[in-house]
N, C-alpha and C. Protein backbone atom coordinates (compact mmCIF):
# COMPACT_ATOMS: atom_id res chain seq x y z
N MET A 1 92.70 -44.08 -77.59
CA MET A 1 93.53 -43.34 -76.66
C MET A 1 92.85 -43.35 -75.30
N THR A 2 93.65 -43.58 -74.27
CA THR A 2 93.13 -43.56 -72.91
C THR A 2 93.79 -42.44 -72.13
N ILE A 3 93.15 -42.01 -71.07
CA ILE A 3 93.72 -40.96 -70.23
C ILE A 3 95.01 -41.44 -69.58
N GLU A 4 95.09 -42.73 -69.29
CA GLU A 4 96.31 -43.28 -68.70
C GLU A 4 97.48 -43.17 -69.68
N ARG A 5 97.22 -43.42 -70.95
CA ARG A 5 98.27 -43.31 -71.98
C ARG A 5 98.74 -41.86 -72.12
N LEU A 6 97.80 -40.93 -72.06
CA LEU A 6 98.16 -39.52 -72.15
C LEU A 6 98.95 -39.09 -70.92
N ARG A 7 98.54 -39.54 -69.74
CA ARG A 7 99.28 -39.22 -68.51
C ARG A 7 100.71 -39.78 -68.59
N ALA A 8 100.85 -41.00 -69.09
CA ALA A 8 102.17 -41.62 -69.21
C ALA A 8 103.06 -40.82 -70.17
N ALA A 9 102.50 -40.36 -71.27
CA ALA A 9 103.28 -39.58 -72.24
C ALA A 9 103.73 -38.25 -71.63
N ALA A 10 102.86 -37.62 -70.86
CA ALA A 10 103.19 -36.34 -70.25
C ALA A 10 104.20 -36.48 -69.12
N ALA A 11 104.21 -37.63 -68.45
CA ALA A 11 105.09 -37.84 -67.29
C ALA A 11 106.37 -38.58 -67.63
N ALA A 12 106.58 -38.93 -68.88
CA ALA A 12 107.75 -39.71 -69.28
C ALA A 12 109.05 -39.01 -68.88
N GLN A 13 110.00 -39.79 -68.42
CA GLN A 13 111.32 -39.28 -68.04
C GLN A 13 112.38 -40.06 -68.80
N PRO A 14 113.11 -39.48 -69.68
CA PRO A 14 113.03 -38.08 -70.08
C PRO A 14 111.79 -37.84 -70.95
N PHE A 15 111.33 -36.61 -70.93
CA PHE A 15 110.14 -36.26 -71.70
C PHE A 15 110.46 -36.30 -73.19
N LYS A 16 109.55 -36.89 -73.96
CA LYS A 16 109.67 -36.92 -75.41
C LYS A 16 108.51 -36.11 -75.99
N PRO A 17 108.80 -35.09 -76.79
CA PRO A 17 107.72 -34.31 -77.40
C PRO A 17 106.80 -35.21 -78.21
N PHE A 18 105.52 -34.85 -78.26
CA PHE A 18 104.56 -35.63 -79.03
C PHE A 18 103.50 -34.73 -79.62
N THR A 19 102.81 -35.26 -80.62
CA THR A 19 101.73 -34.55 -81.28
C THR A 19 100.46 -35.36 -81.14
N LEU A 20 99.40 -34.69 -80.73
CA LEU A 20 98.09 -35.33 -80.66
C LEU A 20 97.33 -34.98 -81.94
N HIS A 21 96.86 -35.98 -82.63
CA HIS A 21 96.08 -35.79 -83.86
C HIS A 21 94.62 -36.07 -83.55
N THR A 22 93.76 -35.14 -83.93
CA THR A 22 92.33 -35.32 -83.69
C THR A 22 91.64 -35.91 -84.91
N ALA A 23 90.46 -36.43 -84.69
CA ALA A 23 89.70 -37.08 -85.75
C ALA A 23 89.36 -36.13 -86.89
N ASP A 24 89.27 -34.83 -86.60
CA ASP A 24 88.92 -33.87 -87.65
C ASP A 24 90.14 -33.27 -88.34
N GLY A 25 91.33 -33.83 -88.08
CA GLY A 25 92.53 -33.42 -88.79
C GLY A 25 93.40 -32.38 -88.10
N ARG A 26 92.97 -31.87 -86.98
CA ARG A 26 93.81 -30.91 -86.25
C ARG A 26 94.96 -31.64 -85.57
N ALA A 27 96.03 -30.91 -85.28
CA ALA A 27 97.18 -31.50 -84.61
C ALA A 27 97.69 -30.51 -83.56
N TYR A 28 97.99 -31.02 -82.38
CA TYR A 28 98.50 -30.20 -81.29
C TYR A 28 99.79 -30.82 -80.79
N THR A 29 100.88 -30.07 -80.89
CA THR A 29 102.18 -30.57 -80.47
C THR A 29 102.46 -30.15 -79.03
N VAL A 30 102.91 -31.11 -78.24
CA VAL A 30 103.27 -30.86 -76.85
C VAL A 30 104.79 -30.95 -76.77
N THR A 31 105.45 -29.79 -76.69
CA THR A 31 106.92 -29.75 -76.66
C THR A 31 107.47 -29.77 -75.25
N HIS A 32 106.60 -29.57 -74.27
CA HIS A 32 107.02 -29.57 -72.87
C HIS A 32 105.82 -30.03 -72.04
N PRO A 33 106.05 -30.81 -70.99
CA PRO A 33 104.91 -31.32 -70.21
C PRO A 33 104.06 -30.24 -69.56
N GLU A 34 104.62 -29.06 -69.35
CA GLU A 34 103.83 -27.98 -68.75
C GLU A 34 102.82 -27.38 -69.73
N PHE A 35 102.87 -27.78 -71.00
CA PHE A 35 101.92 -27.28 -71.98
C PHE A 35 100.65 -28.13 -72.02
N LEU A 36 100.54 -29.08 -71.12
CA LEU A 36 99.40 -29.98 -71.05
C LEU A 36 98.90 -30.01 -69.62
N LEU A 37 97.61 -29.85 -69.42
CA LEU A 37 97.03 -29.86 -68.08
C LEU A 37 96.01 -30.99 -68.00
N LEU A 38 96.29 -31.93 -67.10
CA LEU A 38 95.39 -33.06 -66.86
C LEU A 38 94.95 -33.00 -65.41
N SER A 39 93.69 -32.81 -65.19
CA SER A 39 93.17 -32.80 -63.83
C SER A 39 93.32 -34.20 -63.23
N PRO A 40 93.65 -34.30 -61.94
CA PRO A 40 93.78 -35.63 -61.32
C PRO A 40 92.53 -36.49 -61.44
N LYS A 41 91.38 -35.85 -61.53
CA LYS A 41 90.12 -36.60 -61.62
C LYS A 41 89.58 -36.68 -63.05
N ALA A 42 90.32 -36.11 -63.99
CA ALA A 42 89.86 -36.10 -65.38
C ALA A 42 89.78 -37.52 -65.93
N GLU A 43 88.73 -37.78 -66.65
CA GLU A 43 88.58 -39.07 -67.33
C GLU A 43 88.63 -38.91 -68.83
N ARG A 44 88.20 -37.73 -69.34
CA ARG A 44 88.16 -37.56 -70.79
C ARG A 44 88.65 -36.21 -71.27
N THR A 45 88.54 -35.16 -70.50
CA THR A 45 88.90 -33.84 -71.01
C THR A 45 90.23 -33.37 -70.44
N PHE A 46 90.93 -32.57 -71.23
CA PHE A 46 92.20 -32.01 -70.79
C PHE A 46 92.41 -30.68 -71.51
N VAL A 47 93.36 -29.92 -71.02
CA VAL A 47 93.67 -28.61 -71.58
C VAL A 47 95.05 -28.67 -72.19
N ILE A 48 95.19 -28.10 -73.37
CA ILE A 48 96.47 -28.09 -74.06
C ILE A 48 96.75 -26.68 -74.57
N TYR A 49 98.00 -26.25 -74.42
CA TYR A 49 98.42 -24.95 -74.92
C TYR A 49 98.54 -25.04 -76.44
N ASP A 50 97.99 -24.06 -77.13
CA ASP A 50 98.01 -24.04 -78.59
C ASP A 50 99.20 -23.21 -79.07
N GLU A 51 100.35 -23.86 -79.26
CA GLU A 51 101.57 -23.17 -79.68
C GLU A 51 101.44 -22.51 -81.05
N GLN A 52 100.65 -23.08 -81.91
CA GLN A 52 100.56 -22.59 -83.29
C GLN A 52 99.90 -21.23 -83.39
N SER A 53 99.13 -20.84 -82.39
CA SER A 53 98.42 -19.56 -82.46
C SER A 53 99.35 -18.37 -82.31
N GLY A 54 100.46 -18.56 -81.60
CA GLY A 54 101.38 -17.45 -81.36
C GLY A 54 101.01 -16.60 -80.16
N ASP A 55 99.84 -16.80 -79.60
CA ASP A 55 99.39 -16.05 -78.43
C ASP A 55 99.63 -16.91 -77.19
N PRO A 56 100.42 -16.42 -76.22
CA PRO A 56 100.73 -17.23 -75.04
C PRO A 56 99.52 -17.54 -74.17
N GLU A 57 98.39 -16.92 -74.44
CA GLU A 57 97.20 -17.16 -73.64
C GLU A 57 96.20 -18.09 -74.32
N ASP A 58 96.54 -18.62 -75.49
CA ASP A 58 95.62 -19.50 -76.22
C ASP A 58 95.75 -20.94 -75.75
N TYR A 59 94.63 -21.52 -75.48
CA TYR A 59 94.58 -22.92 -75.08
C TYR A 59 93.32 -23.56 -75.64
N VAL A 60 93.32 -24.87 -75.66
CA VAL A 60 92.19 -25.63 -76.19
C VAL A 60 91.79 -26.67 -75.14
N ILE A 61 90.50 -26.83 -74.96
CA ILE A 61 90.00 -27.89 -74.10
C ILE A 61 89.53 -29.00 -75.03
N LEU A 62 90.16 -30.17 -74.91
CA LEU A 62 89.86 -31.29 -75.80
C LEU A 62 89.22 -32.44 -75.04
N ASP A 63 88.37 -33.14 -75.75
CA ASP A 63 87.80 -34.39 -75.25
C ASP A 63 88.66 -35.51 -75.80
N LEU A 64 89.08 -36.39 -74.93
CA LEU A 64 89.95 -37.49 -75.32
C LEU A 64 89.34 -38.37 -76.41
N LEU A 65 88.02 -38.40 -76.49
CA LEU A 65 87.37 -39.20 -77.52
C LEU A 65 87.65 -38.66 -78.92
N LEU A 66 88.09 -37.41 -79.02
CA LEU A 66 88.40 -36.81 -80.32
C LEU A 66 89.83 -37.10 -80.78
N VAL A 67 90.67 -37.60 -79.87
CA VAL A 67 92.07 -37.86 -80.21
C VAL A 67 92.17 -39.19 -80.95
N ALA A 68 92.68 -39.11 -82.18
CA ALA A 68 92.79 -40.30 -83.02
C ALA A 68 94.15 -40.97 -82.90
N ALA A 69 95.20 -40.17 -82.61
CA ALA A 69 96.54 -40.75 -82.56
C ALA A 69 97.47 -39.87 -81.74
N ILE A 70 98.51 -40.49 -81.23
CA ILE A 70 99.60 -39.77 -80.58
C ILE A 70 100.87 -40.15 -81.32
N GLU A 71 101.61 -39.13 -81.74
CA GLU A 71 102.83 -39.35 -82.52
C GLU A 71 104.01 -38.76 -81.76
N PHE A 72 104.99 -39.60 -81.46
CA PHE A 72 106.17 -39.15 -80.73
C PHE A 72 107.24 -38.72 -81.71
N SER A 73 107.96 -37.64 -81.35
CA SER A 73 109.06 -37.19 -82.18
C SER A 73 110.35 -37.37 -81.40
N ASN A 74 111.46 -37.28 -82.10
CA ASN A 74 112.75 -37.46 -81.43
C ASN A 74 113.34 -36.14 -80.97
N GLY A 75 112.60 -35.04 -81.13
CA GLY A 75 113.08 -33.74 -80.69
C GLY A 75 113.90 -33.01 -81.73
N ARG A 76 114.19 -33.67 -82.84
CA ARG A 76 114.95 -33.03 -83.92
C ARG A 76 114.00 -32.51 -84.98
N LYS A 77 114.40 -31.44 -85.60
CA LYS A 77 113.58 -30.90 -86.69
C LYS A 77 113.79 -31.76 -87.92
N LYS A 78 112.74 -31.92 -88.70
CA LYS A 78 112.84 -32.69 -89.94
C LYS A 78 113.60 -31.89 -90.97
N ARG A 79 114.46 -32.60 -91.72
CA ARG A 79 115.20 -31.95 -92.80
C ARG A 79 114.35 -31.95 -94.06
N ARG A 80 114.49 -30.87 -94.79
CA ARG A 80 113.80 -30.79 -96.07
C ARG A 80 114.62 -31.49 -97.12
N SER A 81 113.95 -32.19 -98.00
CA SER A 81 114.68 -32.81 -99.10
C SER A 81 114.76 -31.82 -100.24
N ALA A 82 115.90 -31.77 -100.88
CA ALA A 82 116.12 -30.79 -101.95
C ALA A 82 115.71 -31.33 -103.29
């Protein structure tokens, strides 16, 4: 993963939600570009809002070297199989 790839995902028009998967198994979903903060001079670190915590003030500072994959979703919720 490169910072340029992350910037491109955040700036995509129209925006497509995506999930960042870390090497240790954590996952952070970005449902809106404002939930991700990339400093103009950042090369490796960025700030992401942690939606799963339920607290609007929770955020995580991640090192890009820890990101193992980026997964794009189509914006629809997955259906459960019966």
